[in-house]
Amino acid sequence: MRLIVSFIFTLLITTMSASAQANVDILKSKYAEPGVAESFKAGSDWYPYPAYSDRDGWDKLLTKEAKKAFIKKAEKKLGYKWQHIPASTWLTFNTSGDKQALRKIELKNREALCALMMGELAEGKGRFLMDIADGLWFYGTAHNWHLSNQTYGQLPRWEMEKIGLGCVKIAVTVSVCHHFFKEEMDKMDKRISIVVQEAAKRIIIDPALEGYGTDKFRWMGPTNTKRSNWNPWCNHGCLLTILLMEKDQNKINAAVKASIENVDEYLAFYREDAACEEGVGYWGQSVGRLAEYL
């Protein structure tokens, strides 16, 4: 079944890419019309999943087997200790050569929040809420959500950081988690939601809105590099974060339109064979991410 879906989607992209090379505004002509951006109303009511409190909705969405699997995974993360990257890990990189030491810490944190979120959505008894609060507070009080632009062997400089793949992965996880559990977090302390929203604004929302049409980020700037697989991947993460976190309707409208124009550039570059320039293993992170974005 997955092969059939992949084949059909490849045919779709082949058709789109052929026409996109002739018309760079393939998405803009279809989705940037008046009313499209405005359909994403501030407040996240458009999000197509049940609210956390809608237990009947989650019972219909998840099978008993899926629930058990999610809950079992979340139970392993109860009492999880959220990990900062220590100075020694940064400073010893040049001698150890272990780049993965940095990434493993980041991955463990993100996987923990994902597991706790899905476990609580599946069970709905509040058992994982305090650990989720710890995770959201951890990300809300962090200087940044990913440090891809830092020089290994030196301590990080926060002002150097830009939006990249690692950053948007965390942004999507945090934004979705915040969406589902904001009311529950507010019952504990409204500062949790406040710091998460402030972090999203500082790390993703404002930089993304300022960056469209410039060379601030290599995946969206006026060079050929923005047409790599980073384009739909980062656009997907930035736009979802803005739609779930931003309260200003004018900013939401601007983000939708600017993002559509930016992804049009990616489609205009895409070749008719539907291949990804980074190899077949990256198809899911290129056209596959485009499917998520659309």
Protein backbone atom coordinates (compact mmCIF):
# COMPACT_ATOMS: atom_id res chain seq x y z
CA MET A 1 0.00 0.00 0.00
CA ARG A 2 2.81 2.42 0.86
CA LEU A 3 4.45 1.74 -2.50
CA ILE A 4 1.19 2.50 -4.29
CA VAL A 5 0.74 5.76 -2.38
CA SER A 6 4.37 6.69 -3.07
CA PHE A 7 3.94 5.96 -6.79
CA ILE A 8 0.74 8.00 -7.07
CA PHE A 9 2.28 10.91 -5.17
CA THR A 10 5.38 10.79 -7.37
CA LEU A 11 3.15 11.07 -10.45
CA LEU A 12 1.43 14.05 -8.85
CA ILE A 13 4.73 15.79 -8.10
CA THR A 14 6.03 15.00 -11.59
CA THR A 15 3.02 16.78 -13.05
CA MET A 16 3.33 19.67 -10.60
CA SER A 17 7.07 20.07 -11.13
CA ALA A 18 6.75 20.11 -14.91
CA SER A 19 4.17 22.88 -14.75
CA ALA A 20 5.98 24.63 -11.90
CA GLN A 21 9.11 25.12 -13.99
CA ALA A 22 6.96 26.98 -16.49
CA ASN A 23 4.97 28.78 -13.79
CA VAL A 24 6.71 29.62 -10.53
CA ASP A 25 3.38 30.62 -8.97
CA ILE A 26 1.74 27.18 -9.03
CA LEU A 27 0.77 27.25 -5.32
CA LYS A 28 0.31 31.00 -5.13
CA SER A 29 -2.18 30.98 -7.99
CA LYS A 30 -4.26 28.36 -6.18
CA TYR A 31 -3.92 29.13 -2.48
CA ALA A 32 -2.96 32.78 -2.13
CA GLU A 33 -6.36 34.02 -3.19
CA PRO A 34 -8.32 36.21 -0.74
CA GLY A 35 -9.84 34.08 2.00
CA VAL A 36 -7.37 31.20 1.97
CA ALA A 37 -4.88 32.55 4.49
CA GLU A 38 -7.73 34.00 6.50
CA SER A 39 -9.29 30.54 6.87
CA PHE A 40 -6.59 29.80 9.46
CA LYS A 41 -8.16 31.71 12.30
CA ALA A 42 -6.06 32.63 15.31
CA GLY A 43 -6.85 30.27 18.16
CA SER A 44 -6.12 26.93 16.46
CA ASP A 45 -9.78 25.97 15.94
CA TRP A 46 -8.82 24.77 12.45
CA TYR A 47 -6.50 22.05 13.83
CA PRO A 48 -8.01 18.70 12.69
CA TYR A 49 -7.57 16.65 15.87
CA PRO A 50 -9.77 16.24 18.97
CA ALA A 51 -9.10 18.45 21.96
CA TYR A 52 -7.38 16.72 24.87
CA SER A 53 -10.63 16.88 26.84
CA ASP A 54 -12.56 15.15 24.04
CA ARG A 55 -12.04 11.61 25.27
CA ASP A 56 -14.65 10.18 22.89
CA GLY A 57 -12.72 11.74 20.02
CA TRP A 58 -9.47 10.07 21.06
CA ASP A 59 -11.26 6.75 21.65
CA LYS A 60 -12.43 6.87 18.05
CA LEU A 61 -9.07 8.01 16.71
CA LEU A 62 -6.84 5.47 18.48
CA THR A 63 -7.25 1.70 18.59
CA LYS A 64 -6.83 -0.13 21.91
CA GLU A 65 -3.53 -1.51 20.66
CA ALA A 66 -2.27 1.96 19.73
CA LYS A 67 -3.29 3.32 23.14
CA LYS A 68 -1.43 0.58 24.97
CA ALA A 69 1.68 1.19 22.89
CA PHE A 70 1.64 4.96 23.48
CA ILE A 71 0.99 4.59 27.22
CA LYS A 72 3.75 1.98 27.61
CA LYS A 73 6.22 4.27 25.88
CA ALA A 74 5.18 7.26 28.01
CA GLU A 75 5.53 5.27 31.23
CA LYS A 76 9.21 4.80 30.46
CA LYS A 77 9.59 8.61 30.44
CA LEU A 78 7.93 9.27 33.80
CA GLY A 79 10.36 11.28 35.90
CA TYR A 80 12.53 12.03 32.87
CA LYS A 81 15.43 14.37 33.61
CA TRP A 82 15.57 17.06 30.92
CA GLN A 83 19.13 17.39 29.71
CA HIS A 84 21.08 20.50 28.85
CA ILE A 85 24.17 20.07 26.70
CA PRO A 86 27.07 20.53 29.15
CA ALA A 87 30.01 22.80 28.43
CA SER A 88 32.38 19.83 28.40
CA THR A 89 30.47 18.20 25.52
CA TRP A 90 30.92 21.34 23.41
CA LEU A 91 34.53 21.95 24.38
CA THR A 92 35.81 18.41 23.86
CA PHE A 93 34.31 17.90 20.41
CA ASN A 94 37.55 18.70 18.58
CA THR A 95 39.39 15.98 20.49
CA SER A 96 36.59 13.41 20.75
CA GLY A 97 35.18 13.93 17.24
CA ASP A 98 31.82 12.79 18.59
CA LYS A 99 29.32 15.08 16.90
CA GLN A 100 26.53 12.68 17.81
CA ALA A 101 27.06 13.34 21.51
CA LEU A 102 25.39 16.71 21.00
CA ARG A 103 22.59 15.36 18.84
CA LYS A 104 21.80 12.42 21.13
CA ILE A 105 21.00 14.72 24.04
CA GLU A 106 18.71 16.83 21.90
CA LEU A 107 17.00 13.76 20.44
CA LYS A 108 16.38 12.21 23.86
CA ASN A 109 14.64 15.37 25.07
CA ARG A 110 12.41 15.62 22.01
CA GLU A 111 11.54 11.91 22.08
CA ALA A 112 10.62 12.21 25.77
CA LEU A 113 8.19 15.06 25.15
CA CYS A 114 6.65 13.23 22.18
CA ALA A 115 6.19 10.05 24.22
CA LEU A 116 4.66 11.86 27.21
CA MET A 117 2.32 13.86 24.96
CA MET A 118 1.03 10.82 23.11
CA GLY A 119 0.72 8.79 26.31
CA GLU A 120 -1.43 11.46 27.93
CA LEU A 121 -3.59 11.92 24.82
CA ALA A 122 -4.12 8.16 24.74
CA GLU A 123 -4.85 7.69 28.46
CA GLY A 124 -6.36 11.03 29.45
CA LYS A 125 -6.02 10.57 33.21
CA GLY A 126 -3.48 13.30 33.94
CA ARG A 127 -0.74 10.86 34.89
CA PHE A 128 1.83 12.39 32.54
CA LEU A 129 0.85 16.05 32.85
CA MET A 130 3.48 17.08 35.40
CA ASP A 131 6.26 15.58 33.27
CA ILE A 132 4.81 17.39 30.23
CA ALA A 133 4.88 20.61 32.27
CA ASP A 134 8.57 19.97 32.99
CA GLY A 135 9.24 19.46 29.28
CA LEU A 136 7.40 22.57 28.16
CA TRP A 137 9.09 24.61 30.87
CA PHE A 138 12.45 23.21 29.77
CA TYR A 139 11.92 24.33 26.17
CA GLY A 140 10.22 27.57 27.15
CA THR A 141 13.19 28.68 29.24
CA ALA A 142 15.85 27.48 26.78
CA HIS A 143 17.97 30.04 24.91
CA ASN A 144 17.31 28.24 21.65
CA TRP A 145 15.86 24.96 20.38
CA HIS A 146 18.76 23.79 18.25
CA LEU A 147 22.37 24.81 17.73
CA SER A 148 23.20 23.79 14.17
CA ASN A 149 25.21 26.90 13.31
CA GLN A 150 27.63 26.69 16.22
CA THR A 151 31.34 25.97 15.94
CA TYR A 152 32.09 22.62 17.51
CA GLY A 153 34.87 22.85 20.05
CA GLN A 154 33.61 26.23 21.25
CA LEU A 155 30.81 27.19 23.59
CA PRO A 156 27.65 28.30 21.71
CA ARG A 157 26.83 31.87 20.81
CA TRP A 158 23.05 32.18 20.82
CA GLU A 159 23.04 35.17 18.46
CA MET A 160 24.57 33.01 15.70
CA GLU A 161 21.68 30.56 15.62
CA LYS A 162 19.29 30.46 12.68
CA ILE A 163 16.19 28.42 11.85
CA GLY A 164 17.21 25.00 10.54
CA LEU A 165 16.00 21.42 10.48
CA GLY A 166 16.71 20.60 14.12
CA CYS A 167 15.04 23.79 15.25
CA VAL A 168 11.80 23.17 13.36
CA LYS A 169 11.59 19.56 14.59
CA ILE A 170 11.55 20.82 18.16
CA ALA A 171 9.26 23.72 17.24
CA VAL A 172 6.61 21.37 15.84
CA THR A 173 6.77 19.08 18.88
CA VAL A 174 6.55 21.95 21.36
CA SER A 175 3.80 23.77 19.45
CA VAL A 176 1.59 20.70 19.10
CA CYS A 177 2.12 19.79 22.76
CA HIS A 178 1.28 23.34 23.82
CA HIS A 179 -1.84 23.26 21.67
CA PHE A 180 -3.20 20.12 23.32
CA PHE A 181 -2.29 20.91 26.93
CA LYS A 182 -2.40 24.69 27.29
CA GLU A 183 -5.55 24.59 29.42
CA GLU A 184 -4.08 21.92 31.68
CA MET A 185 -0.83 23.86 32.01
CA ASP A 186 -2.74 27.05 32.84
CA LYS A 187 -4.41 25.21 35.73
CA MET A 188 -0.94 24.59 37.17
CA ASP A 189 0.57 27.98 36.38
CA LYS A 190 -0.01 30.28 33.41
CA ARG A 191 3.71 31.05 33.27
CA ILE A 192 4.29 27.71 31.54
CA SER A 193 2.27 28.71 28.48
CA ILE A 194 3.62 32.25 28.57
CA VAL A 195 7.28 31.21 28.41
CA VAL A 196 6.57 28.64 25.67
CA GLN A 197 4.77 31.24 23.55
CA GLU A 198 7.55 33.78 24.15
CA ALA A 199 10.17 31.22 23.11
CA ALA A 200 8.25 30.33 19.95
CA LYS A 201 7.97 34.01 19.07
CA ARG A 202 11.68 34.66 19.68
CA ILE A 203 13.07 31.51 18.05
CA ILE A 204 10.63 30.83 15.18
CA ILE A 205 7.80 33.27 14.55
CA ASP A 206 9.55 36.65 14.38
CA PRO A 207 12.71 35.37 12.61
CA ALA A 208 10.63 33.51 10.01
CA LEU A 209 8.39 36.49 9.24
CA GLU A 210 11.45 38.74 8.98
CA GLY A 211 13.36 36.23 6.88
CA TYR A 212 11.03 35.56 3.95
CA GLY A 213 12.42 37.12 0.78
CA THR A 214 15.90 37.61 2.25
CA ASP A 215 19.05 35.52 2.63
CA LYS A 216 18.67 35.30 6.41
CA PHE A 217 18.11 31.54 6.16
CA ARG A 218 19.66 29.51 3.37
CA TRP A 219 16.46 27.55 2.68
CA MET A 220 14.37 30.64 2.04
CA GLY A 221 16.87 33.21 0.76
CA PRO A 222 17.28 34.41 -2.85
CA THR A 223 19.74 31.68 -3.87
CA ASN A 224 19.42 28.20 -5.35
CA THR A 225 20.09 26.61 -1.97
CA LYS A 226 16.58 27.41 -0.80
CA ARG A 227 15.29 24.88 -3.30
CA SER A 228 16.80 21.91 -1.45
CA ASN A 229 14.81 19.55 0.76
CA TRP A 230 15.25 22.07 3.58
CA ASN A 231 12.66 24.30 1.92
CA PRO A 232 9.43 22.27 2.39
CA TRP A 233 10.74 20.82 5.66
CA CYS A 234 11.47 24.18 7.30
CA ASN A 235 8.44 25.87 5.76
CA HIS A 236 6.25 23.12 7.20
CA GLY A 237 7.72 23.53 10.70
CA CYS A 238 7.67 27.33 10.69
CA LEU A 239 4.15 27.61 9.33
CA LEU A 240 2.68 25.03 11.72
CA THR A 241 4.34 26.77 14.65
CA ILE A 242 2.98 30.14 13.57
CA LEU A 243 -0.52 28.76 13.00
CA LEU A 244 -0.61 27.09 16.42
CA MET A 245 1.14 29.80 18.45
CA GLU A 246 0.52 33.21 16.86
CA LYS A 247 -2.49 35.25 18.02
CA ASP A 248 -2.17 38.13 15.54
CA GLN A 249 -4.37 37.34 12.52
CA ASN A 250 -2.44 39.72 10.28
CA LYS A 251 0.81 37.86 11.02
CA ILE A 252 -0.89 34.53 10.30
CA ASN A 253 -2.15 35.81 6.96
CA ALA A 254 1.30 37.18 6.08
CA ALA A 255 2.99 33.91 7.05
CA VAL A 256 0.68 31.75 4.94
CA LYS A 257 1.16 33.91 1.85
CA ALA A 258 4.93 34.31 2.25
CA SER A 259 5.38 30.59 2.87
CA ILE A 260 3.36 29.66 -0.21
CA GLU A 261 5.50 31.92 -2.38
CA ASN A 262 8.65 30.40 -0.90
CA VAL A 263 7.58 26.79 -1.53
CA ASP A 264 6.70 27.77 -5.10
CA GLU A 265 10.43 28.39 -5.59
CA TYR A 266 11.13 24.83 -4.48
CA LEU A 267 8.53 23.43 -6.88
CA ALA A 268 9.94 25.49 -9.74
CA PHE A 269 13.32 23.84 -9.19
CA TYR A 270 12.03 20.29 -8.73
CA ARG A 271 12.81 17.88 -11.55
CA GLU A 272 10.37 15.68 -13.44
CA ASP A 273 11.92 12.43 -12.20
CA ALA A 274 10.82 13.35 -8.63
CA ALA A 275 14.32 12.59 -7.30
CA CYS A 276 15.96 14.41 -4.43
CA GLU A 277 19.41 15.85 -4.98
CA GLU A 278 20.58 14.32 -1.68
CA GLY A 279 19.75 10.76 -2.76
CA VAL A 280 16.85 8.33 -2.68
CA GLY A 281 16.98 8.07 1.10
CA TYR A 282 15.96 11.71 1.33
CA TRP A 283 12.80 11.41 -0.78
CA GLY A 284 10.70 11.31 2.39
CA GLN A 285 12.44 14.43 3.67
CA SER A 286 11.94 16.29 0.41
CA VAL A 287 8.74 15.48 -1.47
CA GLY A 288 7.44 13.68 1.61
CA ARG A 289 7.81 16.87 3.61
CA LEU A 290 6.07 18.73 0.81
CA ALA A 291 3.08 16.43 1.31
CA GLU A 292 3.01 17.35 5.01
CA TYR A 293 3.28 21.02 4.14
CA LEU A 294 0.42 20.86 1.65
